[in-house]
C-alpha cells in the first residue's frame, strides 16, 4: 500500500484560522483511495526532524509574536530546509510560514523578524494595525498540466514584495498586498500563500495536485489518482465563484 509522510511544523504556534484542516483534507483524500498519510509534528525543543524523510512539509499561519519566537528556532534548520526544497520535498506554507521563508518580516513597530532567506521576497506590515487585507479571495492558478480557480480567505496586515513566481493571478480580493494582481509564491514543489479557509477544503483539485506530485516523486512511476466524487465540493465552489465573480 502506498503511503506518504507529512511533517506538521509548529502546530502549537502556527495554527490560525483552522489551517490544520489542510492536513485533514489530504489525509481524507488519501484514505478514500486506500492510501495512507502518516503525520508527524515538530515544535520548539523537539528532536530535530529528518526533513528528507518527509514527502510533505506543512506550516500554517501565526501572529507577529509567534513568528518572532519561532524564527530563532526555524533558522537553525535553514540549510536542511533549503536542501529539502532543492531535492523536491513538497512545502505548503500558509500566511506566517509563507513570510518566514522570505528575507524578513518587518512588524508594525519596525521590528525585524529574520526570515530563512530561502526565497527573495520580503514582507512589511502597515503601521496602521486597523488596515488589513481581509476577506474572500479568488485567484487563477496554473499548475502546469491544468489551470484552476483557487478560493480562499485572506487576513493579513503584512504586505509582501519582490515575488518572482506568484502562486496565482488575483481575480477577487487583494493578494500579496492591497490591490495586488498577484498572490502567493509558487514553485513546482512549493505553495506559499495567504489563503486560509482552510485552503484545500475549497479546492480539491489543488489537494490532488499535491498528492499526485508527492506520490509520483516518491515511487518514481507514472500513475493516475483514482477519481473521487467531488460533487458536493464542486457545488460549493460554484456557489462561491458565482457570488464572488458572477461567472457560473
Protein backbone atom coordinates (compact mmCIF):
# COMPACT_ATOMS: atom_id res chain seq x y z
CA UNK A 1 0.00 0.00 0.00
CA UNK A 2 1.36 3.40 -0.98
CA UNK A 3 1.85 5.98 1.74
CA UNK A 4 3.18 9.50 2.24
CA UNK A 5 4.85 11.10 5.25
CA UNK A 6 3.91 14.63 6.32
CA UNK A 7 5.65 16.87 8.85
CA UNK A 8 3.45 19.48 10.54
CA UNK A 9 5.74 22.22 11.85
CA UNK A 10 4.89 24.24 14.96
CA UNK A 11 1.25 23.09 15.38
CA UNK A 12 1.16 24.80 18.79
CA UNK A 13 2.17 28.21 17.37
CA UNK A 14 1.19 28.30 13.69
CA UNK A 15 -2.46 27.31 13.74
CA UNK A 16 -4.60 30.36 12.95
CA UNK A 17 -7.91 30.06 11.11
CA UNK A 18 -8.08 26.27 11.09
CA UNK A 19 -5.07 25.71 8.85
CA UNK A 20 -4.77 22.18 10.23
CA UNK A 21 -7.79 21.46 8.05
CA UNK A 22 -5.41 21.27 5.10
CA UNK A 23 -3.79 18.19 6.63
CA UNK A 24 -7.18 16.65 7.34
CA UNK A 25 -8.20 17.14 3.69
CA UNK A 26 -5.02 15.49 2.42
CA UNK A 27 -5.46 12.61 4.84
CA UNK A 28 -9.12 12.17 3.86
CA UNK A 29 -8.36 12.14 0.13
CA UNK A 30 -5.58 9.60 0.66
CA UNK A 31 -7.78 7.36 2.80
CA UNK A 32 -10.63 7.40 0.26
CA UNK A 33 -8.16 5.94 -2.24
CA UNK A 34 -6.87 3.26 0.09
CA UNK A 35 -3.64 5.17 0.68
CA UNK A 36 -2.01 6.26 3.94
CA UNK A 37 -0.83 9.67 5.11
CA UNK A 38 1.45 9.45 8.14
CA UNK A 39 1.62 12.67 10.18
CA UNK A 40 4.42 13.77 12.49
CA UNK A 41 4.74 17.10 14.29
CA UNK A 42 7.69 19.28 15.24
CA UNK A 43 7.88 22.26 17.59
CA UNK A 44 10.48 24.13 19.63
CA UNK A 45 12.60 21.86 21.86
CA UNK A 46 11.56 18.73 19.98
CA UNK A 47 14.21 16.48 18.50
CA UNK A 48 15.47 17.82 15.18
CA UNK A 49 13.48 16.23 12.35
CA UNK A 50 14.95 14.45 9.35
CA UNK A 51 13.41 16.74 6.74
CA UNK A 52 14.47 14.49 3.85
CA UNK A 53 12.39 11.58 5.16
CA UNK A 54 9.17 13.52 4.53
CA UNK A 55 7.18 13.92 1.34
CA UNK A 56 5.22 16.98 2.52
CA UNK A 57 6.18 19.68 4.99
CA UNK A 58 3.35 21.92 6.20
CA UNK A 59 3.35 25.08 8.31
CA UNK A 60 0.42 27.40 8.94
CA UNK A 61 -0.33 30.96 9.99
CA UNK A 62 0.68 32.80 13.13
CA UNK A 63 0.72 36.30 14.59
CA UNK A 64 3.81 38.52 14.88
CA UNK A 65 4.61 37.37 18.41
CA UNK A 66 4.61 33.68 17.48
CA UNK A 67 6.70 34.35 14.37
CA UNK A 68 9.27 36.25 16.42
CA UNK A 69 9.62 33.38 18.88
CA UNK A 70 9.91 30.53 16.42
CA UNK A 71 12.05 32.39 13.88
CA UNK A 72 15.12 31.73 16.03
CA UNK A 73 14.36 28.02 16.09
CA UNK A 74 13.50 27.77 12.41
CA UNK A 75 16.70 29.44 11.25
CA UNK A 76 18.71 26.59 12.83
CA UNK A 77 17.41 24.39 10.04
CA UNK A 78 17.88 26.81 7.15
CA UNK A 79 20.36 24.70 5.17
CA UNK A 80 18.37 21.50 5.74
CA UNK A 81 15.10 23.10 4.65
CA UNK A 82 16.69 24.60 1.55
CA UNK A 83 18.19 21.25 0.62
CA UNK A 84 14.82 19.56 1.14
CA UNK A 85 13.21 22.06 -1.23
CA UNK A 86 16.01 21.61 -3.78
CA UNK A 87 15.53 17.83 -3.53
CA UNK A 88 11.82 18.10 -4.32
CA UNK A 89 10.11 17.73 -0.94
CA UNK A 90 6.74 19.47 -1.18
CA UNK A 91 6.19 22.52 1.04
CA UNK A 92 2.76 24.01 1.78
CA UNK A 93 3.24 27.28 3.66
CA UNK A 94 0.33 29.40 4.85
CA UNK A 95 0.46 33.09 5.85
CA UNK A 96 3.01 33.43 8.67
CA UNK A 97 5.00 30.44 7.42
CA UNK A 98 4.93 31.93 3.92
CA UNK A 99 6.50 35.12 5.27
CA UNK A 100 9.21 33.32 7.27
CA UNK A 101 10.64 31.59 4.19
CA UNK A 102 11.43 35.01 2.68
CA UNK A 103 14.14 37.51 3.61
CA UNK A 104 12.41 39.12 6.59
CA UNK A 105 9.19 40.34 8.16
CA UNK A 106 9.08 43.96 9.33
CA UNK A 107 6.44 44.47 12.01
CA UNK A 108 4.23 47.45 12.78
CA UNK A 109 6.80 48.71 15.30
CA UNK A 110 9.60 48.46 12.72
CA UNK A 111 10.95 45.36 14.44
CA UNK A 112 12.63 42.97 12.05
CA UNK A 113 11.91 39.25 12.26
CA UNK A 114 14.62 37.47 10.25
CA UNK A 115 13.42 35.04 7.63
CA UNK A 116 15.13 31.97 6.25
CA UNK A 117 16.12 33.89 3.08
CA UNK A 118 15.41 30.79 1.02
CA UNK A 119 13.34 32.96 -1.32
CA UNK A 120 13.91 36.61 -2.28
CA UNK A 121 10.58 38.10 -1.25
CA UNK A 122 10.11 40.11 1.95
CA UNK A 123 7.16 41.35 3.99
CA UNK A 124 6.47 44.65 5.73
CA UNK A 125 3.45 45.37 7.91
CA UNK A 126 1.37 48.51 7.51
CA UNK A 127 1.89 50.77 10.58
CA UNK A 128 -1.87 51.22 10.98
CA UNK A 129 -2.96 47.99 12.68
CA UNK A 130 -6.57 48.55 11.59
CA UNK A 131 -5.68 48.19 7.91
CA UNK A 132 -5.59 44.59 6.77
CA UNK A 133 -6.09 42.62 3.59
CA UNK A 134 -9.08 40.70 4.82
CA UNK A 135 -11.91 38.86 3.11
CA UNK A 136 -12.65 36.25 0.49
CA UNK A 137 -10.24 35.86 -2.39
CA UNK A 138 -10.15 34.03 -5.72
CA UNK A 139 -7.01 33.53 -7.78
CA UNK A 140 -6.37 31.98 -11.18
CA UNK A 141 -3.65 29.34 -10.85
CA UNK A 142 -1.62 27.49 -13.50
CA UNK A 143 -0.38 24.17 -12.13
CA UNK A 144 1.38 23.10 -15.31
CA UNK A 145 -0.98 20.42 -16.61
CA UNK A 146 -4.12 22.39 -15.84
CA UNK A 147 -5.43 25.71 -14.59
CA UNK A 148 -7.94 26.20 -11.81
CA UNK A 149 -9.57 28.94 -9.80
CA UNK A 150 -8.44 28.73 -6.19
CA UNK A 151 -10.77 30.07 -3.48
CA UNK A 152 -9.67 31.11 -0.01
CA UNK A 153 -9.86 33.66 2.77
CA UNK A 154 -7.10 36.18 3.46
CA UNK A 155 -6.40 38.07 6.67
CA UNK A 156 -3.00 39.73 6.80
CA UNK A 157 -1.53 43.12 7.60
CA UNK A 158 1.81 42.20 6.07
CA UNK A 159 2.47 43.33 2.52
CA UNK A 160 4.76 41.00 0.57
CA UNK A 161 7.06 42.35 -2.15
CA UNK A 162 9.53 41.11 -4.76
CA UNK A 163 7.65 38.00 -5.81
CA UNK A 164 9.41 36.33 -8.73
CA UNK A 165 6.97 33.45 -9.23
CA UNK A 166 3.43 34.13 -7.96
CA UNK A 167 1.01 31.38 -6.99
CA UNK A 168 -1.79 32.96 -8.97
CA UNK A 169 -3.43 35.99 -10.57
CA UNK A 170 -5.92 37.78 -8.32
CA UNK A 171 -9.47 37.77 -9.66
CA UNK A 172 -11.18 38.88 -6.46
CA UNK A 173 -9.59 40.16 -3.26
CA UNK A 174 -6.19 41.70 -2.53
CA UNK A 175 -3.36 39.20 -2.77
CA UNK A 176 0.20 39.80 -1.60
CA UNK A 177 -0.63 43.41 -0.78
CA UNK A 178 -3.53 45.85 -1.07
CA UNK A 179 -4.94 45.84 -4.60
CA UNK A 180 -2.27 43.49 -5.94
CA UNK A 181 -2.67 41.45 -9.11
CA UNK A 182 -0.59 38.58 -7.70
CA UNK A 183 -0.99 36.23 -4.76
CA UNK A 184 1.48 33.95 -3.06
CA UNK A 185 4.65 32.31 -4.26
CA UNK A 186 4.85 29.12 -6.32
CA UNK A 187 7.37 26.57 -7.44
CA UNK A 188 6.60 23.06 -8.65
CA UNK A 189 7.01 21.78 -5.10
CA UNK A 190 6.30 24.94 -3.08
CA UNK A 191 2.98 26.67 -2.48
CA UNK A 192 3.33 29.69 -0.20
CA UNK A 193 0.12 31.65 0.16
CA UNK A 194 -2.02 33.90 2.34
CA UNK A 195 -5.12 31.79 1.64
CA UNK A 196 -6.76 30.31 4.71
CA UNK A 197 -10.14 28.69 4.74
CA UNK A 198 -8.60 26.14 5.09
CA UNK A 199 -7.24 26.34 1.56
CA UNK A 200 -7.60 22.72 0.46
CA UNK A 201 -11.17 22.18 1.66
CA UNK A 202 -12.41 24.57 -1.04
CA UNK A 203 -10.01 23.37 -3.72
CA UNK A 204 -9.96 19.58 -4.16
CA UNK A 205 -8.03 19.81 -7.45
CA UNK A 206 -5.23 21.60 -5.64
CA UNK A 207 -5.15 18.94 -2.92
CA UNK A 208 -4.86 16.26 -5.60
CA UNK A 209 -2.09 18.19 -7.35
CA UNK A 210 -0.05 17.98 -4.14
CA UNK A 211 -0.80 14.28 -3.61
CA UNK A 212 -0.09 13.35 -7.23
CA UNK A 213 3.21 15.22 -7.20
CA UNK A 214 4.33 13.58 -3.95
CA UNK A 215 3.31 10.04 -4.93
CA UNK A 216 4.95 10.32 -8.33
CA UNK A 217 8.15 11.64 -6.78
CA UNK A 218 8.28 9.01 -4.05
CA UNK A 219 7.50 5.95 -6.13
CA UNK A 220 9.11 7.16 -9.35
CA UNK A 221 6.30 5.93 -11.54
CA UNK A 222 3.53 7.32 -13.69
CA UNK A 223 0.02 6.77 -12.40
CA UNK A 224 -3.35 8.44 -12.16
CA UNK A 225 -5.09 9.18 -8.88
CA UNK A 226 -8.42 7.44 -8.54
CA UNK A 227 -11.14 9.98 -9.25
CA UNK A 228 -13.16 10.89 -6.17
CA UNK A 229 -16.76 12.05 -6.10
CA UNK A 230 -16.35 15.78 -5.52
CA UNK A 231 -19.93 16.68 -6.43
CA UNK A 232 -20.62 18.36 -3.10
CA UNK A 233 -17.32 20.25 -3.08
CA UNK A 234 -17.81 21.44 -6.65
CA UNK A 235 -21.35 22.64 -5.98
CA UNK A 236 -20.00 24.69 -3.08
CA UNK A 237 -17.30 26.07 -5.36
CA UNK A 238 -19.86 27.04 -7.99
CA UNK A 239 -21.85 28.94 -5.39
CA UNK A 240 -18.78 30.80 -4.17
CA UNK A 241 -17.49 31.62 -7.65
CA UNK A 242 -20.93 32.88 -8.62
CA UNK A 243 -21.04 35.07 -5.53
CA UNK A 244 -17.51 36.46 -5.93
CA UNK A 245 -17.07 36.55 -9.72
CA UNK A 246 -20.61 36.16 -11.09
CA UNK A 247 -19.38 33.65 -13.68
CA UNK A 248 -21.40 30.47 -13.03
